[in-house]
Amino acid sequence: MSNASSSKTSQTNWERIDAMKDEEIDLSDIPEVTAAQMERAVLRVGGKPVERGKQRVNMFLDSFVVEYFKAKAGDRGYQTLINEALGEYIRNHDLKEELRQIVREELERSQHRLS
């Protein structure tokens, strides 16, 4: 079976796609990732595999940062709260931007293949 398109020109409205916001993209036909799939996943940072677990680090933080997290942490421990905050930041910023870039590149590739 050939992967070549049977159409010479794309019927996709690329201007409309480019103008869409993330919230406007219909993801309903994409299955959710399961917990079992996540257990088998290999975490990579900068393309390099990263072991699961924790790693001890020594670092200097601004006093107001430490005091803020101590005040917010309560019984949980401020270091745990700092770790969670850093992890949340990474998940919400780096991953979203990386995924956006991948989607843009794939859309551009398919646009060039069809034109």
N, C-alpha and C. Protein backbone atom coordinates (compact mmCIF):
# COMPACT_ATOMS: atom_id res chain seq x y z
N MET A 1 0.84 -1.18 0.00
CA MET A 1 0.00 0.00 0.00
C MET A 1 0.89 1.24 0.00
N SER A 2 0.56 2.20 -0.81
CA SER A 2 1.37 3.41 -0.94
C SER A 2 0.97 4.44 0.11
N ASN A 3 1.96 5.16 0.64
CA ASN A 3 1.70 6.24 1.57
C ASN A 3 1.45 7.55 0.86
N ALA A 4 1.66 7.57 -0.45
CA ALA A 4 1.49 8.80 -1.21
C ALA A 4 0.03 9.22 -1.23
N SER A 5 -0.18 10.50 -1.17
CA SER A 5 -1.53 11.04 -1.19
C SER A 5 -2.10 10.92 -2.60
N SER A 6 -3.39 10.66 -2.67
CA SER A 6 -4.04 10.59 -3.99
C SER A 6 -4.44 11.98 -4.47
N SER A 7 -4.30 12.97 -3.62
CA SER A 7 -4.65 14.34 -3.96
C SER A 7 -3.38 15.16 -4.14
N LYS A 8 -3.33 15.96 -5.18
CA LYS A 8 -2.16 16.81 -5.43
C LYS A 8 -2.10 18.00 -4.47
N THR A 9 -3.25 18.52 -4.09
CA THR A 9 -3.28 19.68 -3.20
C THR A 9 -4.02 19.32 -1.91
N SER A 10 -3.57 19.92 -0.85
CA SER A 10 -4.18 19.69 0.45
C SER A 10 -5.56 20.35 0.50
N GLN A 11 -6.50 19.66 1.11
CA GLN A 11 -7.83 20.23 1.30
C GLN A 11 -7.97 20.80 2.71
N THR A 12 -6.88 20.79 3.45
CA THR A 12 -6.89 21.33 4.81
C THR A 12 -6.78 22.85 4.78
N ASN A 13 -7.58 23.49 5.58
CA ASN A 13 -7.53 24.94 5.71
C ASN A 13 -6.44 25.27 6.73
N TRP A 14 -5.19 25.42 6.25
CA TRP A 14 -4.05 25.61 7.13
C TRP A 14 -4.10 26.94 7.86
N GLU A 15 -4.68 27.96 7.28
CA GLU A 15 -4.79 29.24 7.97
C GLU A 15 -5.69 29.11 9.20
N ARG A 16 -6.77 28.36 9.05
CA ARG A 16 -7.67 28.13 10.18
C ARG A 16 -6.96 27.32 11.26
N ILE A 17 -6.22 26.31 10.86
CA ILE A 17 -5.48 25.48 11.82
C ILE A 17 -4.45 26.33 12.58
N ASP A 18 -3.69 27.14 11.84
CA ASP A 18 -2.68 27.99 12.47
C ASP A 18 -3.28 28.98 13.46
N ALA A 19 -4.51 29.43 13.19
CA ALA A 19 -5.15 30.43 14.04
C ALA A 19 -5.82 29.81 15.27
N MET A 20 -5.95 28.47 15.31
CA MET A 20 -6.63 27.82 16.42
C MET A 20 -5.84 27.91 17.71
N LYS A 21 -6.57 28.05 18.80
CA LYS A 21 -5.97 28.01 20.14
C LYS A 21 -5.96 26.55 20.59
N ASP A 22 -5.13 26.24 21.56
CA ASP A 22 -5.03 24.87 22.06
C ASP A 22 -6.39 24.32 22.50
N GLU A 23 -7.19 25.16 23.17
CA GLU A 23 -8.49 24.72 23.70
C GLU A 23 -9.47 24.36 22.58
N GLU A 24 -9.26 24.86 21.40
CA GLU A 24 -10.18 24.64 20.29
C GLU A 24 -9.91 23.33 19.54
N ILE A 25 -8.82 22.65 19.85
CA ILE A 25 -8.47 21.41 19.16
C ILE A 25 -9.25 20.26 19.78
N ASP A 26 -9.95 19.49 18.93
CA ASP A 26 -10.75 18.36 19.38
C ASP A 26 -9.85 17.15 19.58
N LEU A 27 -9.69 16.74 20.82
CA LEU A 27 -8.85 15.59 21.15
C LEU A 27 -9.69 14.37 21.54
N SER A 28 -10.99 14.40 21.25
CA SER A 28 -11.89 13.35 21.72
C SER A 28 -11.59 11.98 21.13
N ASP A 29 -10.95 11.91 19.98
CA ASP A 29 -10.67 10.61 19.38
C ASP A 29 -9.30 10.05 19.79
N ILE A 30 -8.60 10.74 20.69
CA ILE A 30 -7.30 10.28 21.16
C ILE A 30 -7.52 9.59 22.50
N PRO A 31 -7.13 8.31 22.60
CA PRO A 31 -7.36 7.59 23.87
C PRO A 31 -6.50 8.15 25.00
N GLU A 32 -7.02 8.04 26.22
CA GLU A 32 -6.28 8.48 27.40
C GLU A 32 -5.11 7.53 27.64
N VAL A 33 -4.04 8.05 28.18
CA VAL A 33 -2.89 7.23 28.55
C VAL A 33 -3.23 6.52 29.86
N THR A 34 -3.00 5.21 29.90
CA THR A 34 -3.34 4.44 31.10
C THR A 34 -2.19 4.43 32.09
N ALA A 35 -2.51 4.07 33.34
CA ALA A 35 -1.49 3.96 34.38
C ALA A 35 -0.47 2.89 34.01
N ALA A 36 -0.93 1.79 33.39
CA ALA A 36 -0.02 0.72 32.98
C ALA A 36 0.97 1.21 31.93
N GLN A 37 0.50 2.03 31.00
CA GLN A 37 1.40 2.59 30.00
C GLN A 37 2.43 3.51 30.64
N MET A 38 2.01 4.30 31.62
CA MET A 38 2.92 5.20 32.30
C MET A 38 3.97 4.43 33.10
N GLU A 39 3.60 3.27 33.65
CA GLU A 39 4.56 2.45 34.39
C GLU A 39 5.68 1.97 33.48
N ARG A 40 5.38 1.70 32.21
CA ARG A 40 6.38 1.22 31.26
C ARG A 40 7.12 2.35 30.56
N ALA A 41 6.66 3.58 30.75
CA ALA A 41 7.25 4.72 30.05
C ALA A 41 8.67 4.98 30.51
N VAL A 42 9.49 5.47 29.58
CA VAL A 42 10.85 5.87 29.90
C VAL A 42 10.87 7.39 29.93
N LEU A 43 11.18 7.94 31.10
CA LEU A 43 11.27 9.39 31.24
C LEU A 43 12.58 9.85 30.64
N ARG A 44 12.51 10.87 29.80
CA ARG A 44 13.70 11.42 29.18
C ARG A 44 13.72 12.93 29.39
N VAL A 45 14.89 13.44 29.66
CA VAL A 45 15.09 14.88 29.77
C VAL A 45 16.20 15.22 28.81
N GLY A 46 15.90 16.09 27.85
CA GLY A 46 16.89 16.43 26.84
C GLY A 46 17.28 15.23 26.01
N GLY A 47 16.37 14.26 25.85
CA GLY A 47 16.63 13.06 25.07
C GLY A 47 17.35 11.96 25.82
N LYS A 48 17.79 12.22 27.05
CA LYS A 48 18.52 11.22 27.83
C LYS A 48 17.58 10.55 28.83
N PRO A 49 17.62 9.21 28.94
CA PRO A 49 16.79 8.53 29.93
C PRO A 49 17.15 8.95 31.35
N VAL A 50 16.13 9.11 32.20
CA VAL A 50 16.33 9.50 33.59
C VAL A 50 15.73 8.40 34.46
N GLU A 51 16.49 7.96 35.45
CA GLU A 51 16.01 6.92 36.36
C GLU A 51 14.87 7.45 37.21
N ARG A 52 13.97 6.56 37.58
CA ARG A 52 12.89 6.93 38.50
C ARG A 52 13.47 7.00 39.91
N GLY A 53 12.82 7.70 40.76
CA GLY A 53 13.28 7.80 42.14
C GLY A 53 13.73 9.21 42.47
N LYS A 54 14.36 9.33 43.59
CA LYS A 54 14.80 10.64 44.06
C LYS A 54 16.32 10.70 44.12
N GLN A 55 16.84 11.90 44.04
CA GLN A 55 18.28 12.12 44.09
C GLN A 55 18.55 13.23 45.09
N ARG A 56 19.52 13.00 45.95
CA ARG A 56 19.87 14.01 46.95
C ARG A 56 20.67 15.12 46.29
N VAL A 57 20.29 16.38 46.60
CA VAL A 57 21.03 17.54 46.10
C VAL A 57 21.24 18.53 47.25
N ASN A 58 22.30 19.27 47.15
CA ASN A 58 22.55 20.37 48.09
C ASN A 58 22.52 21.64 47.27
N MET A 59 21.73 22.59 47.69
CA MET A 59 21.63 23.83 46.94
C MET A 59 21.29 24.99 47.86
N PHE A 60 21.56 26.18 47.38
CA PHE A 60 21.20 27.38 48.11
C PHE A 60 19.95 27.98 47.49
N LEU A 61 18.97 28.29 48.34
CA LEU A 61 17.74 28.95 47.91
C LEU A 61 17.64 30.27 48.65
N ASP A 62 16.96 31.21 48.04
CA ASP A 62 16.72 32.48 48.72
C ASP A 62 15.92 32.21 49.99
N SER A 63 16.22 32.96 51.03
CA SER A 63 15.54 32.77 52.32
C SER A 63 14.03 32.91 52.20
N PHE A 64 13.57 33.88 51.40
CA PHE A 64 12.12 34.06 51.28
C PHE A 64 11.45 32.86 50.61
N VAL A 65 12.18 32.16 49.73
CA VAL A 65 11.63 30.96 49.08
C VAL A 65 11.45 29.86 50.11
N VAL A 66 12.47 29.62 50.91
CA VAL A 66 12.41 28.59 51.94
C VAL A 66 11.30 28.91 52.94
N GLU A 67 11.23 30.15 53.41
CA GLU A 67 10.21 30.54 54.38
C GLU A 67 8.80 30.41 53.80
N TYR A 68 8.65 30.75 52.54
CA TYR A 68 7.35 30.62 51.87
C TYR A 68 6.89 29.16 51.89
N PHE A 69 7.78 28.26 51.46
CA PHE A 69 7.40 26.85 51.39
C PHE A 69 7.22 26.24 52.77
N LYS A 70 7.99 26.68 53.76
CA LYS A 70 7.79 26.20 55.13
C LYS A 70 6.41 26.61 55.64
N ALA A 71 6.02 27.84 55.34
CA ALA A 71 4.70 28.33 55.78
C ALA A 71 3.57 27.58 55.08
N LYS A 72 3.75 27.25 53.81
CA LYS A 72 2.70 26.57 53.04
C LYS A 72 2.64 25.07 53.31
N ALA A 73 3.76 24.47 53.70
CA ALA A 73 3.86 23.01 53.78
C ALA A 73 3.08 22.39 54.92
N GLY A 74 3.02 23.06 56.05
CA GLY A 74 2.34 22.46 57.20
C GLY A 74 3.06 21.20 57.64
N ASP A 75 2.33 20.09 57.77
CA ASP A 75 2.90 18.82 58.24
C ASP A 75 3.64 18.04 57.15
N ARG A 76 3.50 18.44 55.90
CA ARG A 76 4.04 17.65 54.79
C ARG A 76 5.55 17.77 54.63
N GLY A 77 6.14 18.82 55.06
CA GLY A 77 7.57 19.04 54.85
C GLY A 77 7.78 19.97 53.67
N TYR A 78 8.53 21.01 53.92
CA TYR A 78 8.69 22.02 52.88
C TYR A 78 9.50 21.53 51.69
N GLN A 79 10.45 20.60 51.89
CA GLN A 79 11.23 20.09 50.77
C GLN A 79 10.35 19.30 49.80
N THR A 80 9.41 18.54 50.35
CA THR A 80 8.45 17.82 49.51
C THR A 80 7.62 18.79 48.69
N LEU A 81 7.20 19.87 49.32
CA LEU A 81 6.40 20.88 48.62
C LEU A 81 7.21 21.57 47.52
N ILE A 82 8.48 21.87 47.80
CA ILE A 82 9.33 22.47 46.77
C ILE A 82 9.48 21.51 45.59
N ASN A 83 9.70 20.22 45.88
CA ASN A 83 9.83 19.21 44.83
C ASN A 83 8.56 19.15 43.98
N GLU A 84 7.41 19.14 44.63
CA GLU A 84 6.13 19.09 43.90
C GLU A 84 5.94 20.34 43.05
N ALA A 85 6.31 21.50 43.59
CA ALA A 85 6.16 22.75 42.83
C ALA A 85 7.06 22.75 41.59
N LEU A 86 8.29 22.29 41.75
CA LEU A 86 9.20 22.23 40.61
C LEU A 86 8.71 21.23 39.56
N GLY A 87 8.25 20.07 40.02
CA GLY A 87 7.71 19.07 39.09
C GLY A 87 6.50 19.58 38.34
N GLU A 88 5.61 20.26 39.05
CA GLU A 88 4.41 20.83 38.43
C GLU A 88 4.79 21.87 37.38
N TYR A 89 5.76 22.70 37.71
CA TYR A 89 6.22 23.71 36.76
C TYR A 89 6.74 23.06 35.48
N ILE A 90 7.57 22.04 35.65
CA ILE A 90 8.13 21.35 34.48
C ILE A 90 7.03 20.72 33.64
N ARG A 91 6.11 20.02 34.28
CA ARG A 91 5.02 19.36 33.53
C ARG A 91 4.16 20.37 32.78
N ASN A 92 3.90 21.51 33.37
CA ASN A 92 2.99 22.47 32.75
C ASN A 92 3.64 23.43 31.79
N HIS A 93 4.94 23.59 31.83
CA HIS A 93 5.58 24.55 30.95
C HIS A 93 6.40 23.88 29.86
N ASP A 94 7.39 23.13 30.23
CA ASP A 94 8.28 22.53 29.25
C ASP A 94 7.55 21.54 28.35
N LEU A 95 6.74 20.65 28.93
CA LEU A 95 6.06 19.63 28.14
C LEU A 95 5.07 20.25 27.16
N LYS A 96 4.28 21.22 27.64
CA LYS A 96 3.32 21.86 26.75
C LYS A 96 4.01 22.52 25.57
N GLU A 97 5.08 23.23 25.82
CA GLU A 97 5.78 23.92 24.73
C GLU A 97 6.43 22.91 23.78
N GLU A 98 6.97 21.84 24.34
CA GLU A 98 7.59 20.82 23.51
C GLU A 98 6.54 20.16 22.62
N LEU A 99 5.38 19.84 23.19
CA LEU A 99 4.31 19.23 22.40
C LEU A 99 3.80 20.18 21.32
N ARG A 100 3.67 21.43 21.67
CA ARG A 100 3.25 22.42 20.66
C ARG A 100 4.23 22.45 19.49
N GLN A 101 5.52 22.42 19.80
CA GLN A 101 6.54 22.45 18.76
C GLN A 101 6.47 21.21 17.89
N ILE A 102 6.27 20.04 18.50
CA ILE A 102 6.16 18.80 17.74
C ILE A 102 4.95 18.85 16.82
N VAL A 103 3.81 19.31 17.34
CA VAL A 103 2.59 19.40 16.52
C VAL A 103 2.81 20.36 15.36
N ARG A 104 3.43 21.52 15.64
CA ARG A 104 3.71 22.48 14.57
C ARG A 104 4.58 21.86 13.48
N GLU A 105 5.64 21.15 13.89
CA GLU A 105 6.55 20.54 12.92
C GLU A 105 5.83 19.48 12.09
N GLU A 106 5.00 18.66 12.74
CA GLU A 106 4.28 17.62 12.01
C GLU A 106 3.27 18.22 11.04
N LEU A 107 2.57 19.26 11.47
CA LEU A 107 1.63 19.92 10.57
C LEU A 107 2.36 20.53 9.37
N GLU A 108 3.51 21.12 9.64
CA GLU A 108 4.29 21.72 8.56
C GLU A 108 4.79 20.65 7.59
N ARG A 109 5.26 19.51 8.13
CA ARG A 109 5.72 18.42 7.27
C ARG A 109 4.58 17.91 6.39
N SER A 110 3.42 17.68 6.98
CA SER A 110 2.31 17.15 6.20
C SER A 110 1.83 18.18 5.18
N GLN A 111 1.92 19.46 5.52
CA GLN A 111 1.54 20.51 4.58
C GLN A 111 2.48 20.50 3.38
N HIS A 112 3.77 20.34 3.63
CA HIS A 112 4.75 20.33 2.55
C HIS A 112 4.60 19.08 1.69
N ARG A 113 4.27 17.94 2.31
CA ARG A 113 4.10 16.69 1.54
C ARG A 113 2.90 16.78 0.63
N LEU A 114 1.86 17.50 1.07
CA LEU A 114 0.63 17.56 0.29
C LEU A 114 0.65 18.68 -0.76
N SER A 115 1.58 19.61 -0.65
CA SER A 115 1.58 20.71 -1.62
C SER A 115 2.53 20.45 -2.77
